[in-house]
PDB file of all heavy atoms in Angstrom:
ATOM      1  N   PHE A   1     -11.043   1.469   8.674  1.00  0.00           N
ATOM      2  CA  PHE A   1     -11.363   1.698   7.264  1.00  0.00           C
ATOM      3  C   PHE A   1     -12.868   1.790   7.003  1.00  0.00           C
ATOM      4  O   PHE A   1     -13.287   2.181   5.914  1.00  0.00           O
ATOM      5  CB  PHE A   1     -10.770   0.586   6.390  1.00  0.00           C
ATOM      6  CG  PHE A   1      -9.285   0.422   6.542  1.00  0.00           C
ATOM      7  CD1 PHE A   1      -8.750  -0.784   6.976  1.00  0.00           C
ATOM      8  CD2 PHE A   1      -8.424   1.475   6.274  1.00  0.00           C
ATOM      9  CE1 PHE A   1      -7.375  -0.944   7.121  1.00  0.00           C
ATOM     10  CE2 PHE A   1      -7.052   1.329   6.421  1.00  0.00           C
ATOM     11  CZ  PHE A   1      -6.524   0.111   6.850  1.00  0.00           C
ATOM     12  N   THR A   2     -13.678   1.422   7.989  1.00  0.00           N
ATOM     13  CA  THR A   2     -15.128   1.418   7.793  1.00  0.00           C
ATOM     14  C   THR A   2     -15.848   2.365   8.748  1.00  0.00           C
ATOM     15  O   THR A   2     -17.070   2.324   8.870  1.00  0.00           O
ATOM     16  CB  THR A   2     -15.674  -0.006   7.982  1.00  0.00           C
ATOM     17  OG1 THR A   2     -15.316  -0.490   9.290  1.00  0.00           O
ATOM     18  CG2 THR A   2     -15.124  -0.952   6.927  1.00  0.00           C
ATOM     19  N   ALA A   3     -15.073   3.224   9.417  1.00  0.00           N
ATOM     20  CA  ALA A   3     -15.658   4.106  10.430  1.00  0.00           C
ATOM     21  C   ALA A   3     -16.211   5.404   9.848  1.00  0.00           C
ATOM     22  O   ALA A   3     -16.772   6.224  10.574  1.00  0.00           O
ATOM     23  CB  ALA A   3     -14.602   4.437  11.495  1.00  0.00           C
ATOM     24  N   GLY A   4     -16.016   5.588   8.541  1.00  0.00           N
ATOM     25  CA  GLY A   4     -16.509   6.815   7.928  1.00  0.00           C
ATOM     26  C   GLY A   4     -15.538   7.975   7.982  1.00  0.00           C
ATOM     27  O   GLY A   4     -15.857   9.075   7.524  1.00  0.00           O
ATOM     28  N   VAL A   5     -14.348   7.757   8.536  1.00  0.00           N
ATOM     29  CA  VAL A   5     -13.310   8.781   8.569  1.00  0.00           C
ATOM     30  C   VAL A   5     -12.349   8.527   7.415  1.00  0.00           C
ATOM     31  O   VAL A   5     -11.865   7.398   7.253  1.00  0.00           O
ATOM     32  CB  VAL A   5     -12.535   8.744   9.903  1.00  0.00           C
ATOM     33  CG1 VAL A   5     -11.389   9.751   9.893  1.00  0.00           C
ATOM     34  CG2 VAL A   5     -13.481   9.033  11.069  1.00  0.00           C
ATOM     35  N   PRO A   6     -12.041   9.526   6.584  1.00  0.00           N
ATOM     36  CA  PRO A   6     -11.103   9.323   5.483  1.00  0.00           C
ATOM     37  C   PRO A   6      -9.740   8.843   5.983  1.00  0.00           C
ATOM     38  O   PRO A   6      -9.255   9.314   7.022  1.00  0.00           O
ATOM     39  CB  PRO A   6     -11.000  10.709   4.842  1.00  0.00           C
ATOM     40  CG  PRO A   6     -12.298  11.375   5.187  1.00  0.00           C
ATOM     41  CD  PRO A   6     -12.641  10.872   6.559  1.00  0.00           C
ATOM     42  N   VAL A   7      -9.142   7.898   5.251  1.00  0.00           N
ATOM     43  CA  VAL A   7      -7.846   7.337   5.637  1.00  0.00           C
ATOM     44  C   VAL A   7      -6.924   7.354   4.426  1.00  0.00           C
ATOM     45  O   VAL A   7      -7.333   7.003   3.308  1.00  0.00           O
ATOM     46  CB  VAL A   7      -7.981   5.885   6.154  1.00  0.00           C
ATOM     47  CG1 VAL A   7      -6.622   5.340   6.585  1.00  0.00           C
ATOM     48  CG2 VAL A   7      -8.977   5.817   7.313  1.00  0.00           C
ATOM     49  N   PHE A   8      -5.657   7.746   4.680  1.00  0.00           N
ATOM     50  CA  PHE A   8      -4.631   7.773   3.632  1.00  0.00           C
ATOM     51  C   PHE A   8      -3.479   6.891   4.078  1.00  0.00           C
ATOM     52  O   PHE A   8      -2.931   7.074   5.163  1.00  0.00           O
ATOM     53  CB  PHE A   8      -4.149   9.214   3.424  1.00  0.00           C
ATOM     54  CG  PHE A   8      -3.180   9.397   2.273  1.00  0.00           C
ATOM     55  CD1 PHE A   8      -3.411   8.826   1.040  1.00  0.00           C
ATOM     56  CD2 PHE A   8      -2.032  10.174   2.425  1.00  0.00           C
ATOM     57  CE1 PHE A   8      -2.544   9.010  -0.032  1.00  0.00           C
ATOM     58  CE2 PHE A   8      -1.157  10.370   1.370  1.00  0.00           C
ATOM     59  CZ  PHE A   8      -1.409   9.786   0.137  1.00  0.00           C
ATOM     60  N   GLY A   9      -3.098   5.906   3.259  1.00  0.00           N
ATOM     61  CA  GLY A   9      -1.988   5.017   3.596  1.00  0.00           C
ATOM     62  C   GLY A   9      -0.741   5.363   2.808  1.00  0.00           C
ATOM     63  O   GLY A   9      -0.812   5.581   1.597  1.00  0.00           O
ATOM     64  N   MET A  10       0.388   5.385   3.489  1.00  0.00           N
ATOM     65  CA  MET A  10       1.679   5.637   2.844  1.00  0.00           C
ATOM     66  C   MET A  10       2.589   4.440   3.066  1.00  0.00           C
ATOM     67  O   MET A  10       2.773   4.012   4.210  1.00  0.00           O
ATOM     68  CB  MET A  10       2.360   6.875   3.442  1.00  0.00           C
ATOM     69  CG  MET A  10       1.602   8.167   3.317  1.00  0.00           C
ATOM     70  SD  MET A  10       2.549   9.502   4.113  1.00  0.00           S
ATOM     71  CE  MET A  10       1.495  10.911   3.731  1.00  0.00           C
ATOM     72  N   CYS A  11       3.157   3.882   2.010  1.00  0.00           N
ATOM     73  CA  CYS A  11       4.144   2.808   2.106  1.00  0.00           C
ATOM     74  C   CYS A  11       3.571   1.636   2.911  1.00  0.00           C
ATOM     75  O   CYS A  11       2.662   0.956   2.469  1.00  0.00           O
ATOM     76  CB  CYS A  11       5.456   3.349   2.689  1.00  0.00           C
ATOM     77  SG  CYS A  11       6.838   2.196   2.581  1.00  0.00           S
ATOM     78  N   TYR A  12       4.068   1.388   4.115  1.00  0.00           N
ATOM     79  CA  TYR A  12       3.549   0.295   4.947  1.00  0.00           C
ATOM     80  C   TYR A  12       2.060   0.491   5.217  1.00  0.00           C
ATOM     81  O   TYR A  12       1.276  -0.471   5.190  1.00  0.00           O
ATOM     82  CB  TYR A  12       4.336   0.252   6.255  1.00  0.00           C
ATOM     83  CG  TYR A  12       3.954  -0.877   7.190  1.00  0.00           C
ATOM     84  CD1 TYR A  12       4.390  -2.171   6.960  1.00  0.00           C
ATOM     85  CD2 TYR A  12       3.168  -0.630   8.304  1.00  0.00           C
ATOM     86  CE1 TYR A  12       4.042  -3.209   7.820  1.00  0.00           C
ATOM     87  CE2 TYR A  12       2.815  -1.654   9.179  1.00  0.00           C
ATOM     88  CZ  TYR A  12       3.255  -2.940   8.929  1.00  0.00           C
ATOM     89  OH  TYR A  12       2.904  -3.959   9.787  1.00  0.00           O
ATOM     90  N   GLY A  13       1.657   1.733   5.479  1.00  0.00           N
ATOM     91  CA  GLY A  13       0.241   2.024   5.713  1.00  0.00           C
ATOM     92  C   GLY A  13      -0.616   1.718   4.492  1.00  0.00           C
ATOM     93  O   GLY A  13      -1.777   1.294   4.614  1.00  0.00           O
ATOM     94  N   PHE A  14      -0.063   1.926   3.308  1.00  0.00           N
ATOM     95  CA  PHE A  14      -0.733   1.589   2.041  1.00  0.00           C
ATOM     96  C   PHE A  14      -0.967   0.084   1.953  1.00  0.00           C
ATOM     97  O   PHE A  14      -2.046  -0.385   1.581  1.00  0.00           O
ATOM     98  CB  PHE A  14       0.154   2.084   0.898  1.00  0.00           C
ATOM     99  CG  PHE A  14      -0.275   1.692  -0.485  1.00  0.00           C
ATOM    100  CD1 PHE A  14      -1.447   2.189  -1.048  1.00  0.00           C
ATOM    101  CD2 PHE A  14       0.517   0.845  -1.254  1.00  0.00           C
ATOM    102  CE1 PHE A  14      -1.822   1.848  -2.344  1.00  0.00           C
ATOM    103  CE2 PHE A  14       0.158   0.503  -2.555  1.00  0.00           C
ATOM    104  CZ  PHE A  14      -1.024   1.004  -3.096  1.00  0.00           C
ATOM    105  N   GLN A  15       0.045  -0.697   2.329  1.00  0.00           N
ATOM    106  CA  GLN A  15      -0.082  -2.154   2.296  1.00  0.00           C
ATOM    107  C   GLN A  15      -1.063  -2.659   3.351  1.00  0.00           C
ATOM    108  O   GLN A  15      -1.818  -3.609   3.110  1.00  0.00           O
ATOM    109  CB  GLN A  15       1.299  -2.788   2.471  1.00  0.00           C
ATOM    110  CG  GLN A  15       2.256  -2.477   1.322  1.00  0.00           C
ATOM    111  CD  GLN A  15       3.638  -3.045   1.544  1.00  0.00           C
ATOM    112  OE1 GLN A  15       3.890  -3.755   2.513  1.00  0.00           O
ATOM    113  NE2 GLN A  15       4.560  -2.737   0.629  1.00  0.00           N
ATOM    114  N   LEU A  16      -1.061  -2.035   4.536  1.00  0.00           N
ATOM    115  CA  LEU A  16      -2.035  -2.410   5.566  1.00  0.00           C
ATOM    116  C   LEU A  16      -3.456  -2.183   5.077  1.00  0.00           C
ATOM    117  O   LEU A  16      -4.359  -3.004   5.327  1.00  0.00           O
ATOM    118  CB  LEU A  16      -1.795  -1.595   6.844  1.00  0.00           C
ATOM    119  CG  LEU A  16      -0.686  -2.033   7.777  1.00  0.00           C
ATOM    120  CD1 LEU A  16      -0.620  -1.090   8.980  1.00  0.00           C
ATOM    121  CD2 LEU A  16      -0.895  -3.468   8.265  1.00  0.00           C
ATOM    122  N   MET A  17      -3.664  -1.074   4.379  1.00  0.00           N
ATOM    123  CA  MET A  17      -4.996  -0.774   3.852  1.00  0.00           C
ATOM    124  C   MET A  17      -5.400  -1.809   2.808  1.00  0.00           C
ATOM    125  O   MET A  17      -6.523  -2.340   2.829  1.00  0.00           O
ATOM    126  CB  MET A  17      -5.027   0.634   3.254  1.00  0.00           C
ATOM    127  CG  MET A  17      -6.392   1.029   2.699  1.00  0.00           C
ATOM    128  SD  MET A  17      -6.410   2.670   1.919  1.00  0.00           S
ATOM    129  CE  MET A  17      -6.209   3.710   3.350  1.00  0.00           C
ATOM    130  N   ALA A  18      -4.479  -2.102   1.891  1.00  0.00           N
ATOM    131  CA  ALA A  18      -4.773  -3.085   0.839  1.00  0.00           C
ATOM    132  C   ALA A  18      -5.108  -4.443   1.444  1.00  0.00           C
ATOM    133  O   ALA A  18      -6.120  -5.072   1.091  1.00  0.00           O
ATOM    134  CB  ALA A  18      -3.585  -3.201  -0.110  1.00  0.00           C
ATOM    135  N   LYS A  19      -4.284  -4.903   2.362  1.00  0.00           N
ATOM    136  CA  LYS A  19      -4.479  -6.222   2.975  1.00  0.00           C
ATOM    137  C   LYS A  19      -5.746  -6.243   3.827  1.00  0.00           C
ATOM    138  O   LYS A  19      -6.521  -7.208   3.787  1.00  0.00           O
ATOM    139  CB  LYS A  19      -3.252  -6.565   3.823  1.00  0.00           C
ATOM    140  CG  LYS A  19      -3.262  -7.946   4.460  1.00  0.00           C
ATOM    141  CD  LYS A  19      -1.899  -8.235   5.084  1.00  0.00           C
ATOM    142  CE  LYS A  19      -1.863  -9.622   5.735  1.00  0.00           C
ATOM    143  NZ  LYS A  19      -2.603  -9.630   7.009  1.00  0.00           N
ATOM    144  N   GLY A  20      -5.963  -5.163   4.590  1.00  0.00           N
ATOM    145  CA  GLY A  20      -7.109  -5.131   5.493  1.00  0.00           C
ATOM    146  C   GLY A  20      -8.446  -5.080   4.792  1.00  0.00           C
ATOM    147  O   GLY A  20      -9.471  -5.469   5.361  1.00  0.00           O
ATOM    148  N   LEU A  21      -8.463  -4.617   3.532  1.00  0.00           N
ATOM    149  CA  LEU A  21      -9.716  -4.501   2.794  1.00  0.00           C
ATOM    150  C   LEU A  21      -9.877  -5.585   1.732  1.00  0.00           C
ATOM    151  O   LEU A  21     -10.744  -5.481   0.869  1.00  0.00           O
ATOM    152  CB  LEU A  21      -9.801  -3.113   2.149  1.00  0.00           C
ATOM    153  CG  LEU A  21     -10.009  -1.955   3.145  1.00  0.00           C
ATOM    154  CD1 LEU A  21      -9.858  -0.610   2.447  1.00  0.00           C
ATOM    155  CD2 LEU A  21     -11.384  -2.064   3.803  1.00  0.00           C
ATOM    156  N   GLY A  22      -9.018  -6.614   1.801  1.00  0.00           N
ATOM    157  CA  GLY A  22      -9.197  -7.752   0.905  1.00  0.00           C
ATOM    158  C   GLY A  22      -8.371  -7.711  -0.359  1.00  0.00           C
ATOM    159  O   GLY A  22      -8.548  -8.561  -1.244  1.00  0.00           O
ATOM    160  N   GLY A  23      -7.458  -6.755  -0.478  1.00  0.00           N
ATOM    161  CA  GLY A  23      -6.543  -6.729  -1.612  1.00  0.00           C
ATOM    162  C   GLY A  23      -5.434  -7.743  -1.403  1.00  0.00           C
ATOM    163  O   GLY A  23      -5.430  -8.511  -0.430  1.00  0.00           O
ATOM    164  N   GLU A  24      -4.459  -7.741  -2.291  1.00  0.00           N
ATOM    165  CA  GLU A  24      -3.368  -8.718  -2.201  1.00  0.00           C
ATOM    166  C   GLU A  24      -2.025  -8.012  -2.070  1.00  0.00           C
ATOM    167  O   GLU A  24      -1.676  -7.161  -2.889  1.00  0.00           O
ATOM    168  CB  GLU A  24      -3.340  -9.609  -3.451  1.00  0.00           C
ATOM    169  CG  GLU A  24      -2.238 -10.667  -3.416  1.00  0.00           C
ATOM    170  CD  GLU A  24      -2.160 -11.463  -4.710  1.00  0.00           C
ATOM    171  OE1 GLU A  24      -3.075 -11.326  -5.554  1.00  0.00           O
ATOM    172  OE2 GLU A  24      -1.171 -12.202  -4.874  1.00  0.00           O
ATOM    173  N   VAL A  25      -1.303  -8.343  -1.002  1.00  0.00           N
ATOM    174  CA  VAL A  25       0.071  -7.869  -0.819  1.00  0.00           C
ATOM    175  C   VAL A  25       0.974  -9.082  -0.977  1.00  0.00           C
ATOM    176  O   VAL A  25       0.821 -10.079  -0.274  1.00  0.00           O
ATOM    177  CB  VAL A  25       0.272  -7.222   0.564  1.00  0.00           C
ATOM    178  CG1 VAL A  25       1.709  -6.747   0.725  1.00  0.00           C
ATOM    179  CG2 VAL A  25      -0.699  -6.057   0.755  1.00  0.00           C
ATOM    180  N   ALA A  26       1.913  -8.996  -1.921  1.00  0.00           N
ATOM    181  CA  ALA A  26       2.696 -10.177  -2.287  1.00  0.00           C
ATOM    182  C   ALA A  26       4.166 -10.019  -1.956  1.00  0.00           C
ATOM    183  O   ALA A  26       4.725  -8.925  -2.021  1.00  0.00           O
ATOM    184  CB  ALA A  26       2.536 -10.459  -3.782  1.00  0.00           C
ATOM    185  N   HIS A  27       4.786 -11.171  -1.602  1.00  0.00           N
ATOM    186  CA  HIS A  27       6.243 -11.260  -1.497  1.00  0.00           C
ATOM    187  C   HIS A  27       6.784 -11.473  -2.907  1.00  0.00           C
ATOM    188  O   HIS A  27       7.015 -12.602  -3.330  1.00  0.00           O
ATOM    189  CB  HIS A  27       6.652 -12.444  -0.610  1.00  0.00           C
ATOM    190  CG  HIS A  27       6.373 -12.256   0.845  1.00  0.00           C
ATOM    191  ND1 HIS A  27       6.989 -11.286   1.606  1.00  0.00           N
ATOM    192  CD2 HIS A  27       5.553 -12.929   1.692  1.00  0.00           C
ATOM    193  CE1 HIS A  27       6.557 -11.370   2.857  1.00  0.00           C
ATOM    194  NE2 HIS A  27       5.686 -12.359   2.932  1.00  0.00           N
ATOM    195  N   THR A  28       6.987 -10.436  -3.640  1.00  0.00           N
ATOM    196  CA  THR A  28       7.413 -10.592  -5.034  1.00  0.00           C
ATOM    197  C   THR A  28       8.912 -10.825  -5.157  1.00  0.00           C
ATOM    198  O   THR A  28       9.395 -11.267  -6.193  1.00  0.00           O
ATOM    199  CB  THR A  28       7.073  -9.326  -5.839  1.00  0.00           C
ATOM    200  OG1 THR A  28       7.802  -8.209  -5.293  1.00  0.00           O
ATOM    201  CG2 THR A  28       5.571  -9.043  -5.783  1.00  0.00           C
ATOM    202  N   GLY A  29       9.656 -10.524  -4.094  1.00  0.00           N
ATOM    203  CA  GLY A  29      11.115 -10.627  -4.161  1.00  0.00           C
ATOM    204  C   GLY A  29      11.744  -9.387  -4.756  1.00  0.00           C
ATOM    205  O   GLY A  29      12.959  -9.200  -4.682  1.00  0.00           O
ATOM    206  N   ALA A  30      10.925  -8.528  -5.365  1.00  0.00           N
ATOM    207  CA  ALA A  30      11.439  -7.282  -5.950  1.00  0.00           C
ATOM    208  C   ALA A  30      11.366  -6.180  -4.902  1.00  0.00           C
ATOM    209  O   ALA A  30      10.334  -6.002  -4.241  1.00  0.00           O
ATOM    210  CB  ALA A  30      10.624  -6.907  -7.178  1.00  0.00           C
ATOM    211  N   ARG A  31      12.445  -5.442  -4.768  1.00  0.00           N
ATOM    212  CA  ARG A  31      12.494  -4.355  -3.801  1.00  0.00           C
ATOM    213  C   ARG A  31      12.748  -3.039  -4.513  1.00  0.00           C
ATOM    214  O   ARG A  31      13.386  -3.000  -5.556  1.00  0.00           O
ATOM    215  CB  ARG A  31      13.603  -4.605  -2.771  1.00  0.00           C
ATOM    216  CG  ARG A  31      13.412  -5.894  -1.992  1.00  0.00           C
ATOM    217  CD  ARG A  31      14.473  -6.042  -0.921  1.00  0.00           C
ATOM    218  NE  ARG A  31      14.245  -7.217  -0.099  1.00  0.00           N
ATOM    219  CZ  ARG A  31      14.880  -7.456   1.045  1.00  0.00           C
ATOM    220  NH1 ARG A  31      15.783  -6.603   1.484  1.00  0.00           N
ATOM    221  NH2 ARG A  31      14.614  -8.543   1.735  1.00  0.00           N
ATOM    222  N   GLU A  32      12.228  -1.979  -3.917  1.00  0.00           N
ATOM    223  CA  GLU A  32      12.459  -0.638  -4.449  1.00  0.00           C
ATOM    224  C   GLU A  32      12.889   0.273  -3.307  1.00  0.00           C
ATOM    225  O   GLU A  32      12.169   0.402  -2.310  1.00  0.00           O
ATOM    226  CB  GLU A  32      11.187  -0.084  -5.107  1.00  0.00           C
ATOM    227  CG  GLU A  32      10.796  -0.804  -6.395  1.00  0.00           C
ATOM    228  CD  GLU A  32       9.505  -0.264  -6.994  1.00  0.00           C
ATOM    229  OE1 GLU A  32       8.524  -0.137  -6.236  1.00  0.00           O
ATOM    230  OE2 GLU A  32       9.485   0.017  -8.198  1.00  0.00           O
ATOM    231  N   TYR A  33      14.075   0.858  -3.446  1.00  0.00           N
ATOM    232  CA  TYR A  33      14.583   1.787  -2.439  1.00  0.00           C
ATOM    233  C   TYR A  33      15.115   3.029  -3.136  1.00  0.00           C
ATOM    234  O   TYR A  33      15.764   2.938  -4.186  1.00  0.00           O
ATOM    235  CB  TYR A  33      15.695   1.153  -1.603  1.00  0.00           C
ATOM    236  CG  TYR A  33      15.229  -0.012  -0.762  1.00  0.00           C
ATOM    237  CD1 TYR A  33      15.461  -1.326  -1.160  1.00  0.00           C
ATOM    238  CD2 TYR A  33      14.516   0.209   0.412  1.00  0.00           C
ATOM    239  CE1 TYR A  33      15.012  -2.396  -0.394  1.00  0.00           C
ATOM    240  CE2 TYR A  33      14.064  -0.859   1.179  1.00  0.00           C
ATOM    241  CZ  TYR A  33      14.316  -2.152   0.774  1.00  0.00           C
ATOM    242  OH  TYR A  33      13.866  -3.203   1.532  1.00  0.00           O
ATOM    243  N   GLY A  34      14.829   4.184  -2.551  1.00  0.00           N
ATOM    244  CA  GLY A  34      15.328   5.431  -3.117  1.00  0.00           C
ATOM    245  C   GLY A  34      14.467   5.936  -4.266  1.00  0.00           C
ATOM    246  O   GLY A  34      13.304   5.549  -4.431  1.00  0.00           O
ATOM    247  N   ARG A  35      15.048   6.830  -5.081  1.00  0.00           N
ATOM    248  CA  ARG A  35      14.296   7.449  -6.178  1.00  0.00           C
ATOM    249  C   ARG A  35      13.875   6.395  -7.204  1.00  0.00           C
ATOM    250  O   ARG A  35      14.691   5.617  -7.685  1.00  0.00           O
ATOM    251  CB  ARG A  35      15.144   8.520  -6.855  1.00  0.00           C
ATOM    252  CG  ARG A  35      15.296   9.790  -6.028  1.00  0.00           C
ATOM    253  CD  ARG A  35      16.009  10.862  -6.833  1.00  0.00           C
ATOM    254  NE  ARG A  35      16.128  12.088  -6.091  1.00  0.00           N
ATOM    255  CZ  ARG A  35      17.152  12.378  -5.280  1.00  0.00           C
ATOM    256  NH1 ARG A  35      18.132  11.503  -5.143  1.00  0.00           N
ATOM    257  NH2 ARG A  35      17.197  13.521  -4.630  1.00  0.00           N
ATOM    258  N   THR A  36      12.586   6.393  -7.531  1.00  0.00           N
ATOM    259  CA  THR A  36      12.024   5.369  -8.417  1.00  0.00           C
ATOM    260  C   THR A  36      11.059   6.023  -9.407  1.00  0.00           C
ATOM    261  O   THR A  36      10.191   6.801  -8.990  1.00  0.00           O
ATOM    262  CB  THR A  36      11.254   4.313  -7.594  1.00  0.00           C
ATOM    263  OG1 THR A  36      12.125   3.769  -6.593  1.00  0.00           O
ATOM    264  CG2 THR A  36      10.734   3.209  -8.484  1.00  0.00           C
ATOM    265  N   PRO A  37      11.176   5.716 -10.694  1.00  0.00           N
ATOM    266  CA  PRO A  37      10.204   6.247 -11.669  1.00  0.00           C
ATOM    267  C   PRO A  37       8.836   5.599 -11.447  1.00  0.00           C
ATOM    268  O   PRO A  37       8.731   4.389 -11.229  1.00  0.00           O
ATOM    269  CB  PRO A  37      10.793   5.841 -13.027  1.00  0.00           C
ATOM    270  CG  PRO A  37      12.220   5.471 -12.752  1.00  0.00           C
ATOM    271  CD  PRO A  37      12.250   4.956 -11.349  1.00  0.00           C
ATOM    272  N   VAL A  38       7.781   6.414 -11.505  1.00  0.00           N
ATOM    273  CA  VAL A  38       6.421   5.912 -11.372  1.00  0.00           C
ATOM    274  C   VAL A  38       5.606   6.414 -12.565  1.00  0.00           C
ATOM    275  O   VAL A  38       5.838   7.519 -13.072  1.00  0.00           O
ATOM    276  CB  VAL A  38       5.779   6.352 -10.032  1.00  0.00           C
ATOM    277  CG1 VAL A  38       5.594   7.859  -9.972  1.00  0.00           C
ATOM    278  CG2 VAL A  38       4.453   5.658  -9.787  1.00  0.00           C
ATOM    279  N   THR A  39       4.651   5.611 -13.004  1.00  0.00           N
ATOM    280  CA  THR A  39       3.799   5.967 -14.138  1.00  0.00           C
ATOM    281  C   THR A  39       2.356   6.101 -13.666  1.00  0.00           C
ATOM    282  O   THR A  39       1.804   5.166 -13.071  1.00  0.00           O
ATOM    283  CB  THR A  39       3.880   4.899 -15.246  1.00  0.00           C
ATOM    284  OG1 THR A  39       5.223   4.791 -15.693  1.00  0.00           O
ATOM    285  CG2 THR A  39       2.983   5.286 -16.412  1.00  0.00           C
ATOM    286  N   VAL A  40       1.774   7.261 -13.911  1.00  0.00           N
ATOM    287  CA  VAL A  40       0.369   7.493 -13.558  1.00  0.00           C
ATOM    288  C   VAL A  40      -0.489   6.980 -14.707  1.00  0.00           C
ATOM    289  O   VAL A  40      -0.401   7.462 -15.840  1.00  0.00           O
ATOM    290  CB  VAL A  40       0.104   8.993 -13.315  1.00  0.00           C
ATOM    291  CG1 VAL A  40      -1.382   9.221 -13.004  1.00  0.00           C
ATOM    292  CG2 VAL A  40       0.974   9.515 -12.175  1.00  0.00           C
TER     293      VAL A  40
END
C-alpha cells in the first residue's frame, strides 16, 4: 500500500486494505450475501 503502485481492493481485499492502513474492520454479526442495495 506504500510502494507507490495504485491498489484496488474488492470484498476481502477491501477489508485487507482497510485493516492494513489503520482502519477498522468489525465483527458486526451482520452479513450480506447476493444482490444488495447500496447508497452512494
